[in-house]
Amino acid sequence: MRTDNLTQAYLHKAKVHLEALGFFKDREAYSDVVPEAQELVELLMKAVFRAAGAKVPKVHDVGKVLEKYREHLPQSLTSHLHEIRRIRKRLRKERELSFYGADDFIPTEEYHVEDAEHAICDATFVD
């Protein structure tokens, strides 16, 4: 495993996103917690890929890369890979809807404290 400046930058950004989750929740901006949590998970996964020497994808959804480089990932991550993949998939699926909404789905009306807490719990698990 290696850590270079970009890997460290990803980890720092993830730490800031983790703090932002509480900020949004405290201000009842529950719909903003989900995309922040998704970005946090994405940054952590990209830091792990870099540390493992794998090519880092320039996409939001890193699920396929997780399986592709599974043998290069640390045991501490692979032992929880099923749960991490579940979390990543759920957050990725909700990312756009929670951020942009739709004519019949207003994020600020649809997301509640329980949704924010679930996203924070998932992001913290990956962290």
Protein backbone atom coordinates (compact mmCIF):
# COMPACT_ATOMS: atom_id res chain seq x y z
CA MET A 1 0.00 0.00 0.00
CA ARG A 2 1.24 3.47 -0.85
CA THR A 3 0.08 6.91 0.05
CA ASP A 4 0.95 9.85 -2.15
CA ASN A 5 -0.21 13.44 -2.08
CA LEU A 6 -3.35 12.79 -4.13
CA THR A 7 -4.34 9.85 -1.93
CA GLN A 8 -3.88 12.05 1.14
CA ALA A 9 -5.94 14.78 -0.54
CA TYR A 10 -8.80 12.31 -1.15
CA LEU A 11 -8.68 11.28 2.52
CA HIS A 12 -8.68 14.90 3.67
CA LYS A 13 -11.63 15.73 1.43
CA ALA A 14 -13.49 12.68 2.78
CA LYS A 15 -12.91 13.91 6.34
CA VAL A 16 -14.35 17.31 5.44
CA HIS A 17 -17.38 15.65 3.81
CA LEU A 18 -17.93 13.63 7.00
CA GLU A 19 -18.03 16.86 9.00
CA ALA A 20 -20.38 18.39 6.42
CA LEU A 21 -22.88 15.56 6.98
CA GLY A 22 -23.45 16.77 10.53
CA PHE A 23 -23.64 20.38 9.36
CA PHE A 24 -26.42 19.59 6.89
CA LYS A 25 -28.29 17.38 9.34
CA ASP A 26 -28.13 20.00 12.09
CA ARG A 27 -29.68 22.53 9.73
CA GLU A 28 -32.39 20.10 8.66
CA ALA A 29 -31.02 20.00 5.11
CA TYR A 30 -31.65 16.26 5.03
CA SER A 31 -31.70 15.93 1.26
CA ASP A 32 -28.16 17.34 1.13
CA VAL A 33 -26.81 14.62 3.41
CA VAL A 34 -27.28 11.87 0.80
CA PRO A 35 -25.13 13.35 -2.01
CA GLU A 36 -22.47 14.39 0.52
CA ALA A 37 -22.41 10.85 1.91
CA GLN A 38 -22.11 9.44 -1.61
CA GLU A 39 -19.17 11.73 -2.37
CA LEU A 40 -17.49 10.76 0.88
CA VAL A 41 -17.77 7.05 0.01
CA GLU A 42 -16.54 7.75 -3.53
CA LEU A 43 -13.49 9.66 -2.26
CA LEU A 44 -12.63 6.93 0.24
CA MET A 45 -12.85 4.24 -2.43
CA LYS A 46 -10.66 6.25 -4.78
CA ALA A 47 -8.09 6.73 -2.01
CA VAL A 48 -8.06 2.98 -1.43
CA PHE A 49 -7.62 2.31 -5.15
CA ARG A 50 -4.66 4.71 -5.34
CA ALA A 51 -3.09 3.24 -2.22
CA ALA A 52 -3.43 -0.23 -3.75
CA GLY A 53 -1.79 0.95 -6.97
CA ALA A 54 -4.96 0.55 -9.02
CA LYS A 55 -6.10 2.97 -11.69
CA VAL A 56 -8.66 5.36 -10.25
CA PRO A 57 -11.80 5.76 -12.36
CA LYS A 58 -12.99 9.28 -13.09
CA VAL A 59 -16.64 8.37 -12.54
CA HIS A 60 -18.96 8.57 -9.54
CA ASP A 61 -19.83 4.87 -9.52
CA VAL A 62 -16.77 2.82 -8.61
CA GLY A 63 -18.63 -0.47 -8.04
CA LYS A 64 -17.15 -2.36 -10.99
CA VAL A 65 -13.65 -1.31 -10.01
CA LEU A 66 -14.14 -2.72 -6.51
CA GLU A 67 -14.55 -6.21 -7.92
CA LYS A 68 -11.88 -5.79 -10.58
CA TYR A 69 -9.19 -4.91 -8.02
CA ARG A 70 -10.52 -7.00 -5.14
CA GLU A 71 -7.27 -8.98 -4.80
CA HIS A 72 -5.28 -5.73 -4.43
CA LEU A 73 -7.45 -4.32 -1.67
CA PRO A 74 -6.63 -4.66 2.03
CA GLN A 75 -8.29 -7.47 3.98
CA SER A 76 -9.95 -4.92 6.27
CA LEU A 77 -11.88 -3.70 3.23
CA THR A 78 -12.54 -6.99 1.44
CA SER A 79 -14.03 -8.57 4.57
CA HIS A 80 -16.74 -5.88 4.43
CA LEU A 81 -16.93 -5.59 0.66
CA HIS A 82 -20.51 -6.87 0.39
CA GLU A 83 -21.77 -4.20 2.81
CA ILE A 84 -19.64 -1.47 1.20
CA ARG A 85 -21.02 -2.38 -2.22
CA ARG A 86 -24.59 -2.26 -0.86
CA ILE A 87 -23.97 1.17 0.67
CA ARG A 88 -22.26 2.50 -2.45
CA LYS A 89 -25.08 1.29 -4.66
CA ARG A 90 -27.85 2.77 -2.49
CA LEU A 91 -26.16 6.15 -2.14
CA ARG A 92 -25.33 6.28 -5.85
CA LYS A 93 -28.93 5.49 -6.75
CA GLU A 94 -30.28 8.27 -4.53
CA ARG A 95 -27.60 10.85 -5.34
CA GLU A 96 -29.25 12.62 -8.26
CA LEU A 97 -32.78 12.41 -6.95
CA SER A 98 -31.80 13.81 -3.56
CA PHE A 99 -29.82 16.60 -5.19
CA TYR A 100 -31.93 17.58 -8.20
CA GLY A 101 -35.36 16.16 -7.40
CA ALA A 102 -38.09 15.90 -10.02
CA ASP A 103 -41.40 17.58 -10.78
CA ASP A 104 -43.15 15.09 -8.52
CA PHE A 105 -40.31 14.69 -6.00
CA ILE A 106 -39.17 17.74 -4.03
CA PRO A 107 -36.04 16.66 -2.10
CA THR A 108 -36.51 19.13 0.74
CA GLU A 109 -39.99 17.69 1.32
CA GLU A 110 -39.20 14.02 0.73
CA TYR A 111 -36.09 13.55 2.88
CA HIS A 112 -36.36 13.42 6.65
CA VAL A 113 -34.03 13.05 9.62
CA GLU A 114 -34.19 9.25 9.39
CA ASP A 115 -32.93 9.39 5.80
CA ALA A 116 -30.07 11.65 6.84
CA GLU A 117 -29.16 9.42 9.78
CA HIS A 118 -29.19 6.34 7.54
CA ALA A 119 -26.83 8.02 5.06
CA ILE A 120 -24.54 9.18 7.88
CA CYS A 121 -24.49 5.70 9.39
CA ASP A 122 -23.60 4.17 6.01
CA ALA A 123 -20.89 6.74 5.28
CA THR A 124 -19.41 6.25 8.75
CA PHE A 125 -19.32 2.49 8.21
CA VAL A 126 -17.26 2.94 5.04
CA ASP A 127 -15.05 5.54 6.70
